[in-house]
Amino acid sequence: MKYCERCNLKVRGNRYRCPLCQGLLKGEDSENPFPFVLGTYQKNSLFFRILLLCTITVGIVSVAVNFLLPKSGKWSLFVIAGIGCFWLNLVLVMYKRRNIFKIFVWELFLISALCVLWDFATGWNRWSLDYAVPILCMAVMATLTVTARVFGAAPGSFLIYLCLVLLLNIAMFVSLLMGLVMVALPTVLSACMNLVLLTALLIFHGREMLAELHRRLHM
């Protein structure tokens, strides 16, 4: 049977992380006490297979049409890239579906990276850094706040995710100082919104925030 040294807890089954502190478990696997439950893919395998066939068909048709019309440019590459972005986001949502806050933040970083790549591939007009990334940051922060309110989540539960968004905002602000960002307003608004939200959490839920930090950092 596996056990957690931090929590002094024994865990049955084949889990590899502690259900309390999320630390790595030690010991050998034992019989799983819970029945096997079909995952999202197993439950909807036919749907995903049809979706995969449709996206591959769209890619093949776009390449064929582009080959027959060579003077129209290499637009089929953007279609294939779009299909790839769609599947990346879908796989990420399925993988992180049990933590809605984590989904929002992972999607923020993934879509931001894809926007930068698309911007670079289309001539580097810097729309990704000037507008897309800061607007995505503000949208995710607003979504985190509303979602936590609707579902009644503890403020400390999404503290770490606001801090991750803050890291991206700091990177954007440094890019602004270095001259990589040409339009300052979206980046400044995003950074200010992030700081205001963290300050509000500190003022109204300071103890819960400290307790969450102690739990996550195992202090």
C-alpha atoms as a PDB file:
ATOM      1  CA  MET A   1       0.000   0.000   0.000  1.00  0.00           C
ATOM      2  CA  LYS A   2       1.230   3.473  -0.823  1.00  0.00           C
ATOM      3  CA  TYR A   3       1.685   6.173   1.790  1.00  0.00           C
ATOM      4  CA  CYS A   4       2.394   9.904   2.073  1.00  0.00           C
ATOM      5  CA  GLU A   5       5.245  10.932   4.389  1.00  0.00           C
ATOM      6  CA  ARG A   6       3.993  14.512   4.773  1.00  0.00           C
ATOM      7  CA  CYS A   7       0.395  13.665   5.727  1.00  0.00           C
ATOM      8  CA  ASN A   8       1.176  10.299   7.382  1.00  0.00           C
ATOM      9  CA  LEU A   9      -1.589   8.852   5.236  1.00  0.00           C
ATOM     10  CA  LYS A  10      -1.996   5.415   3.658  1.00  0.00           C
ATOM     11  CA  VAL A  11      -3.631   5.319   0.225  1.00  0.00           C
ATOM     12  CA  ARG A  12      -5.088   2.252  -1.476  1.00  0.00           C
ATOM     13  CA  GLY A  13      -5.079   1.796  -5.248  1.00  0.00           C
ATOM     14  CA  ASN A  14      -2.579   2.919  -7.880  1.00  0.00           C
ATOM     15  CA  ARG A  15      -2.578   6.675  -7.295  1.00  0.00           C
ATOM     16  CA  TYR A  16       0.808   8.361  -7.508  1.00  0.00           C
ATOM     17  CA  ARG A  17      -0.085  11.631  -5.720  1.00  0.00           C
ATOM     18  CA  CYS A  18      -1.478  12.215  -2.252  1.00  0.00           C
ATOM     19  CA  PRO A  19      -5.173  13.285  -2.330  1.00  0.00           C
ATOM     20  CA  LEU A  20      -4.497  15.858   0.415  1.00  0.00           C
ATOM     21  CA  CYS A  21      -1.178  17.579  -0.363  1.00  0.00           C
ATOM     22  CA  GLN A  22      -0.662  16.345  -3.955  1.00  0.00           C
ATOM     23  CA  GLY A  23       2.818  15.152  -3.010  1.00  0.00           C
ATOM     24  CA  LEU A  24       4.333  12.003  -4.520  1.00  0.00           C
ATOM     25  CA  LEU A  25       3.343   8.755  -2.798  1.00  0.00           C
ATOM     26  CA  LYS A  26       5.775   6.001  -1.866  1.00  0.00           C
ATOM     27  CA  GLY A  27       5.262   2.271  -1.693  1.00  0.00           C
ATOM     28  CA  GLU A  28       3.692  -0.297  -3.995  1.00  0.00           C
ATOM     29  CA  ASP A  29       0.303  -0.297  -5.710  1.00  0.00           C
ATOM     30  CA  SER A  30      -2.550  -2.191  -4.104  1.00  0.00           C
ATOM     31  CA  GLU A  31      -6.016  -3.256  -5.217  1.00  0.00           C
ATOM     32  CA  ASN A  32      -8.126  -0.284  -6.254  1.00  0.00           C
ATOM     33  CA  PRO A  33     -11.111   0.048  -3.873  1.00  0.00           C
ATOM     34  CA  PHE A  34     -13.139   2.000  -6.431  1.00  0.00           C
ATOM     35  CA  PRO A  35     -14.894   0.567  -9.512  1.00  0.00           C
ATOM     36  CA  PHE A  36     -13.533   1.343 -12.960  1.00  0.00           C
ATOM     37  CA  VAL A  37     -15.199   4.399 -14.494  1.00  0.00           C
ATOM     38  CA  LEU A  38     -15.099   5.123 -18.192  1.00  0.00           C
ATOM     39  CA  GLY A  39     -13.242   8.283 -19.100  1.00  0.00           C
ATOM     40  CA  THR A  40     -14.482  11.083 -21.310  1.00  0.00           C
ATOM     41  CA  TYR A  41     -12.838   9.615 -24.410  1.00  0.00           C
ATOM     42  CA  GLN A  42     -14.243   6.130 -23.801  1.00  0.00           C
ATOM     43  CA  LYS A  43     -17.746   7.515 -23.301  1.00  0.00           C
ATOM     44  CA  ASN A  44     -17.594   9.623 -26.459  1.00  0.00           C
ATOM     45  CA  SER A  45     -15.183   7.633 -28.610  1.00  0.00           C
ATOM     46  CA  LEU A  46     -17.510   7.632 -31.637  1.00  0.00           C
ATOM     47  CA  PHE A  47     -17.916  11.410 -31.463  1.00  0.00           C
ATOM     48  CA  PHE A  48     -14.152  11.980 -31.258  1.00  0.00           C
ATOM     49  CA  ARG A  49     -13.505   9.589 -34.140  1.00  0.00           C
ATOM     50  CA  ILE A  50     -16.039  11.408 -36.318  1.00  0.00           C
ATOM     51  CA  LEU A  51     -14.539  14.753 -35.288  1.00  0.00           C
ATOM     52  CA  LEU A  52     -11.040  13.499 -36.137  1.00  0.00           C
ATOM     53  CA  LEU A  53     -12.226  12.234 -39.532  1.00  0.00           C
ATOM     54  CA  CYS A  54     -13.926  15.574 -40.285  1.00  0.00           C
ATOM     55  CA  THR A  55     -10.872  17.661 -39.397  1.00  0.00           C
ATOM     56  CA  ILE A  56      -8.536  15.399 -41.408  1.00  0.00           C
ATOM     57  CA  THR A  57     -10.944  15.612 -44.358  1.00  0.00           C
ATOM     58  CA  VAL A  58     -10.996  19.417 -44.147  1.00  0.00           C
ATOM     59  CA  GLY A  59      -7.187  19.445 -44.107  1.00  0.00           C
ATOM     60  CA  ILE A  60      -6.897  17.108 -47.107  1.00  0.00           C
ATOM     61  CA  VAL A  61      -9.490  19.027 -49.138  1.00  0.00           C
ATOM     62  CA  SER A  62      -7.856  22.389 -48.370  1.00  0.00           C
ATOM     63  CA  VAL A  63      -4.435  21.079 -49.462  1.00  0.00           C
ATOM     64  CA  ALA A  64      -5.939  19.609 -52.657  1.00  0.00           C
ATOM     65  CA  VAL A  65      -7.758  22.836 -53.548  1.00  0.00           C
ATOM     66  CA  ASN A  66      -4.658  24.879 -52.754  1.00  0.00           C
ATOM     67  CA  PHE A  67      -2.600  22.577 -55.021  1.00  0.00           C
ATOM     68  CA  LEU A  68      -5.076  23.075 -57.884  1.00  0.00           C
ATOM     69  CA  LEU A  69      -5.047  26.862 -57.332  1.00  0.00           C
ATOM     70  CA  PRO A  70      -1.361  27.612 -56.677  1.00  0.00           C
ATOM     71  CA  LYS A  71      -1.729  31.340 -57.407  1.00  0.00           C
ATOM     72  CA  SER A  72      -4.045  31.791 -54.395  1.00  0.00           C
ATOM     73  CA  GLY A  73      -1.134  31.507 -51.943  1.00  0.00           C
ATOM     74  CA  LYS A  74      -0.321  28.900 -49.323  1.00  0.00           C
ATOM     75  CA  TRP A  75      -3.541  29.384 -47.350  1.00  0.00           C
ATOM     76  CA  SER A  76      -3.927  25.624 -46.767  1.00  0.00           C
ATOM     77  CA  LEU A  77      -1.036  25.804 -44.303  1.00  0.00           C
ATOM     78  CA  PHE A  78      -3.105  28.154 -42.140  1.00  0.00           C
ATOM     79  CA  VAL A  79      -6.063  25.769 -42.322  1.00  0.00           C
ATOM     80  CA  ILE A  80      -3.867  22.892 -41.123  1.00  0.00           C
ATOM     81  CA  ALA A  81      -2.375  25.100 -38.407  1.00  0.00           C
ATOM     82  CA  GLY A  82      -5.877  26.053 -37.294  1.00  0.00           C
ATOM     83  CA  ILE A  83      -6.869  22.400 -37.074  1.00  0.00           C
ATOM     84  CA  GLY A  84      -3.762  21.719 -35.002  1.00  0.00           C
ATOM     85  CA  CYS A  85      -4.621  24.596 -32.646  1.00  0.00           C
ATOM     86  CA  PHE A  86      -8.157  23.245 -32.275  1.00  0.00           C
ATOM     87  CA  TRP A  87      -6.940  19.785 -31.268  1.00  0.00           C
ATOM     88  CA  LEU A  88      -4.313  21.188 -28.896  1.00  0.00           C
ATOM     89  CA  ASN A  89      -6.978  23.162 -27.055  1.00  0.00           C
ATOM     90  CA  LEU A  90      -9.398  20.217 -27.025  1.00  0.00           C
ATOM     91  CA  VAL A  91      -6.783  17.833 -25.603  1.00  0.00           C
ATOM     92  CA  LEU A  92      -5.816  20.393 -22.958  1.00  0.00           C
ATOM     93  CA  VAL A  93      -9.424  20.891 -21.859  1.00  0.00           C
ATOM     94  CA  MET A  94      -9.949  17.121 -21.614  1.00  0.00           C
ATOM     95  CA  TYR A  95      -6.712  16.613 -19.674  1.00  0.00           C
ATOM     96  CA  LYS A  96      -7.387  19.423 -17.162  1.00  0.00           C
ATOM     97  CA  ARG A  97     -11.184  19.121 -17.068  1.00  0.00           C
ATOM     98  CA  ARG A  98     -11.334  18.339 -13.326  1.00  0.00           C
ATOM     99  CA  ASN A  99      -9.961  21.765 -12.362  1.00  0.00           C
ATOM    100  CA  ILE A 100     -11.793  24.566 -14.120  1.00  0.00           C
ATOM    101  CA  PHE A 101      -9.403  27.255 -12.846  1.00  0.00           C
ATOM    102  CA  LYS A 102      -6.433  25.324 -14.191  1.00  0.00           C
ATOM    103  CA  ILE A 103      -8.166  24.995 -17.567  1.00  0.00           C
ATOM    104  CA  PHE A 104      -8.555  28.783 -17.853  1.00  0.00           C
ATOM    105  CA  VAL A 105      -4.898  29.476 -17.028  1.00  0.00           C
ATOM    106  CA  TRP A 106      -3.513  26.694 -19.248  1.00  0.00           C
ATOM    107  CA  GLU A 107      -5.712  27.932 -22.090  1.00  0.00           C
ATOM    108  CA  LEU A 108      -4.412  31.462 -21.494  1.00  0.00           C
ATOM    109  CA  PHE A 109      -0.782  30.400 -21.919  1.00  0.00           C
ATOM    110  CA  LEU A 110      -1.514  28.071 -24.832  1.00  0.00           C
ATOM    111  CA  ILE A 111      -3.653  30.529 -26.808  1.00  0.00           C
ATOM    112  CA  SER A 112      -1.190  33.359 -26.077  1.00  0.00           C
ATOM    113  CA  ALA A 113       1.658  31.251 -27.481  1.00  0.00           C
ATOM    114  CA  LEU A 114      -0.435  30.322 -30.527  1.00  0.00           C
ATOM    115  CA  CYS A 115      -1.303  33.987 -31.130  1.00  0.00           C
ATOM    116  CA  VAL A 116       2.392  34.916 -31.080  1.00  0.00           C
ATOM    117  CA  LEU A 117       3.164  32.091 -33.521  1.00  0.00           C
ATOM    118  CA  TRP A 118       0.334  33.171 -35.841  1.00  0.00           C
ATOM    119  CA  ASP A 119       1.513  36.771 -35.647  1.00  0.00           C
ATOM    120  CA  PHE A 120       5.058  35.726 -36.524  1.00  0.00           C
ATOM    121  CA  ALA A 121       3.831  33.503 -39.374  1.00  0.00           C
ATOM    122  CA  THR A 122       1.767  36.338 -40.886  1.00  0.00           C
ATOM    123  CA  GLY A 123       4.478  38.994 -40.942  1.00  0.00           C
ATOM    124  CA  TRP A 124       4.951  39.966 -37.272  1.00  0.00           C
ATOM    125  CA  ASN A 125       2.610  42.956 -37.000  1.00  0.00           C
ATOM    126  CA  ARG A 126       2.760  42.630 -33.169  1.00  0.00           C
ATOM    127  CA  TRP A 127      -1.025  42.427 -32.757  1.00  0.00           C
ATOM    128  CA  SER A 128      -0.469  39.425 -30.495  1.00  0.00           C
ATOM    129  CA  LEU A 129       1.611  41.392 -27.977  1.00  0.00           C
ATOM    130  CA  ASP A 130      -0.213  44.704 -28.382  1.00  0.00           C
ATOM    131  CA  TYR A 131      -3.759  43.400 -28.043  1.00  0.00           C
ATOM    132  CA  ALA A 132      -4.302  39.616 -27.958  1.00  0.00           C
ATOM    133  CA  VAL A 133      -2.265  38.597 -24.900  1.00  0.00           C
ATOM    134  CA  PRO A 134      -3.305  41.503 -22.606  1.00  0.00           C
ATOM    135  CA  ILE A 135      -6.982  41.086 -23.556  1.00  0.00           C
ATOM    136  CA  LEU A 136      -6.740  37.338 -22.930  1.00  0.00           C
ATOM    137  CA  CYS A 137      -5.227  38.038 -19.499  1.00  0.00           C
ATOM    138  CA  MET A 138      -8.062  40.387 -18.569  1.00  0.00           C
ATOM    139  CA  ALA A 139     -10.668  37.939 -19.866  1.00  0.00           C
ATOM    140  CA  VAL A 140      -9.187  35.064 -17.841  1.00  0.00           C
ATOM    141  CA  MET A 141      -8.973  37.169 -14.674  1.00  0.00           C
ATOM    142  CA  ALA A 142     -12.606  38.214 -15.031  1.00  0.00           C
ATOM    143  CA  THR A 143     -13.635  34.618 -15.747  1.00  0.00           C
ATOM    144  CA  LEU A 144     -11.727  33.314 -12.707  1.00  0.00           C
ATOM    145  CA  THR A 145     -13.400  35.860 -10.450  1.00  0.00           C
ATOM    146  CA  VAL A 146     -16.928  35.241 -11.760  1.00  0.00           C
ATOM    147  CA  THR A 147     -16.490  31.457 -11.744  1.00  0.00           C
ATOM    148  CA  ALA A 148     -15.214  31.466  -8.162  1.00  0.00           C
ATOM    149  CA  ARG A 149     -18.211  33.571  -7.145  1.00  0.00           C
ATOM    150  CA  VAL A 150     -20.767  31.427  -8.978  1.00  0.00           C
ATOM    151  CA  PHE A 151     -19.414  28.109  -7.713  1.00  0.00           C
ATOM    152  CA  GLY A 152     -18.674  29.420  -4.230  1.00  0.00           C
ATOM    153  CA  ALA A 153     -14.989  28.517  -4.405  1.00  0.00           C
ATOM    154  CA  ALA A 154     -12.695  29.633  -1.622  1.00  0.00           C
ATOM    155  CA  PRO A 155     -10.626  32.715  -2.623  1.00  0.00           C
ATOM    156  CA  GLY A 156      -7.422  30.880  -1.820  1.00  0.00           C
ATOM    157  CA  SER A 157      -8.250  28.138  -4.313  1.00  0.00           C
ATOM    158  CA  PHE A 158      -7.578  30.376  -7.311  1.00  0.00           C
ATOM    159  CA  LEU A 159      -4.842  32.501  -5.720  1.00  0.00           C
ATOM    160  CA  ILE A 160      -2.071  30.520  -7.400  1.00  0.00           C
ATOM    161  CA  TYR A 161      -3.718  30.987 -10.791  1.00  0.00           C
ATOM    162  CA  LEU A 162      -3.955  34.755 -10.387  1.00  0.00           C
ATOM    163  CA  CYS A 163      -0.241  34.714  -9.528  1.00  0.00           C
ATOM    164  CA  LEU A 164       0.486  32.781 -12.735  1.00  0.00           C
ATOM    165  CA  VAL A 165      -1.444  35.394 -14.726  1.00  0.00           C
ATOM    166  CA  LEU A 166       0.578  38.050 -12.901  1.00  0.00           C
ATOM    167  CA  LEU A 167       3.802  36.432 -14.154  1.00  0.00           C
ATOM    168  CA  LEU A 168       2.530  36.742 -17.725  1.00  0.00           C
ATOM    169  CA  ASN A 169       1.540  40.359 -17.074  1.00  0.00           C
ATOM    170  CA  ILE A 170       5.015  41.087 -15.686  1.00  0.00           C
ATOM    171  CA  ALA A 171       6.550  39.560 -18.825  1.00  0.00           C
ATOM    172  CA  MET A 172       4.295  41.747 -20.976  1.00  0.00           C
ATOM    173  CA  PHE A 173       5.222  44.862 -18.962  1.00  0.00           C
ATOM    174  CA  VAL A 174       8.922  44.075 -19.389  1.00  0.00           C
ATOM    175  CA  SER A 175       8.271  43.678 -23.131  1.00  0.00           C
ATOM    176  CA  LEU A 176       6.622  47.110 -23.080  1.00  0.00           C
ATOM    177  CA  LEU A 177       9.690  48.665 -21.432  1.00  0.00           C
ATOM    178  CA  MET A 178      11.942  46.946 -23.982  1.00  0.00           C
ATOM    179  CA  GLY A 179       9.929  48.337 -26.883  1.00  0.00           C
ATOM    180  CA  LEU A 180       8.519  45.013 -28.069  1.00  0.00           C
ATOM    181  CA  VAL A 181       4.963  46.153 -27.253  1.00  0.00           C
ATOM    182  CA  MET A 182       3.934  49.188 -29.271  1.00  0.00           C
ATOM    183  CA  VAL A 183       0.471  49.870 -27.759  1.00  0.00           C
ATOM    184  CA  ALA A 184       0.765  50.402 -24.001  1.00  0.00           C
ATOM    185  CA  LEU A 185      -2.890  50.738 -22.933  1.00  0.00           C
ATOM    186  CA  PRO A 186      -3.986  47.043 -22.994  1.00  0.00           C
ATOM    187  CA  THR A 187      -0.836  45.872 -21.186  1.00  0.00           C
ATOM    188  CA  VAL A 188      -1.110  48.569 -18.491  1.00  0.00           C
ATOM    189  CA  LEU A 189      -4.827  47.874 -17.967  1.00  0.00           C
ATOM    190  CA  SER A 190      -4.188  44.137 -17.637  1.00  0.00           C
ATOM    191  CA  ALA A 191      -1.381  44.630 -15.104  1.00  0.00           C
ATOM    192  CA  CYS A 192      -3.479  47.079 -13.067  1.00  0.00           C
ATOM    193  CA  MET A 193      -6.463  44.721 -13.056  1.00  0.00           C
ATOM    194  CA  ASN A 194      -4.245  41.868 -11.870  1.00  0.00           C
ATOM    195  CA  LEU A 195      -2.751  43.923  -9.038  1.00  0.00           C
ATOM    196  CA  VAL A 196      -6.163  45.208  -7.931  1.00  0.00           C
ATOM    197  CA  LEU A 197      -7.570  41.665  -7.748  1.00  0.00           C
ATOM    198  CA  LEU A 198      -4.602  40.397  -5.737  1.00  0.00           C
ATOM    199  CA  THR A 199      -4.797  43.411  -3.412  1.00  0.00           C
ATOM    200  CA  ALA A 200      -8.524  42.832  -2.874  1.00  0.00           C
ATOM    201  CA  LEU A 201      -7.844  39.185  -1.997  1.00  0.00           C
ATOM    202  CA  LEU A 202      -5.113  40.233   0.428  1.00  0.00           C
ATOM    203  CA  ILE A 203      -7.336  42.809   2.150  1.00  0.00           C
ATOM    204  CA  PHE A 204     -10.543  40.764   2.417  1.00  0.00           C
ATOM    205  CA  HIS A 205      -9.201  37.192   2.515  1.00  0.00           C
ATOM    206  CA  GLY A 206      -5.658  37.527   3.806  1.00  0.00           C
ATOM    207  CA  ARG A 207      -5.841  34.615   6.245  1.00  0.00           C
ATOM    208  CA  GLU A 208      -7.284  32.261   3.649  1.00  0.00           C
ATOM    209  CA  MET A 209      -4.543  33.266   1.219  1.00  0.00           C
ATOM    210  CA  LEU A 210      -1.820  32.552   3.795  1.00  0.00           C
ATOM    211  CA  ALA A 211      -3.419  29.195   4.639  1.00  0.00           C
ATOM    212  CA  GLU A 212      -3.493  28.284   0.922  1.00  0.00           C
ATOM    213  CA  LEU A 213       0.170  29.243   0.528  1.00  0.00           C
ATOM    214  CA  HIS A 214       1.108  27.122   3.553  1.00  0.00           C
ATOM    215  CA  ARG A 215      -0.806  24.171   2.106  1.00  0.00           C
ATOM    216  CA  ARG A 216       0.643  24.421  -1.403  1.00  0.00           C
ATOM    217  CA  LEU A 217       4.208  25.129  -0.290  1.00  0.00           C
ATOM    218  CA  HIS A 218       4.055  22.490   2.498  1.00  0.00           C
ATOM    219  CA  MET A 219       5.236  25.054   5.046  1.00  0.00           C
END
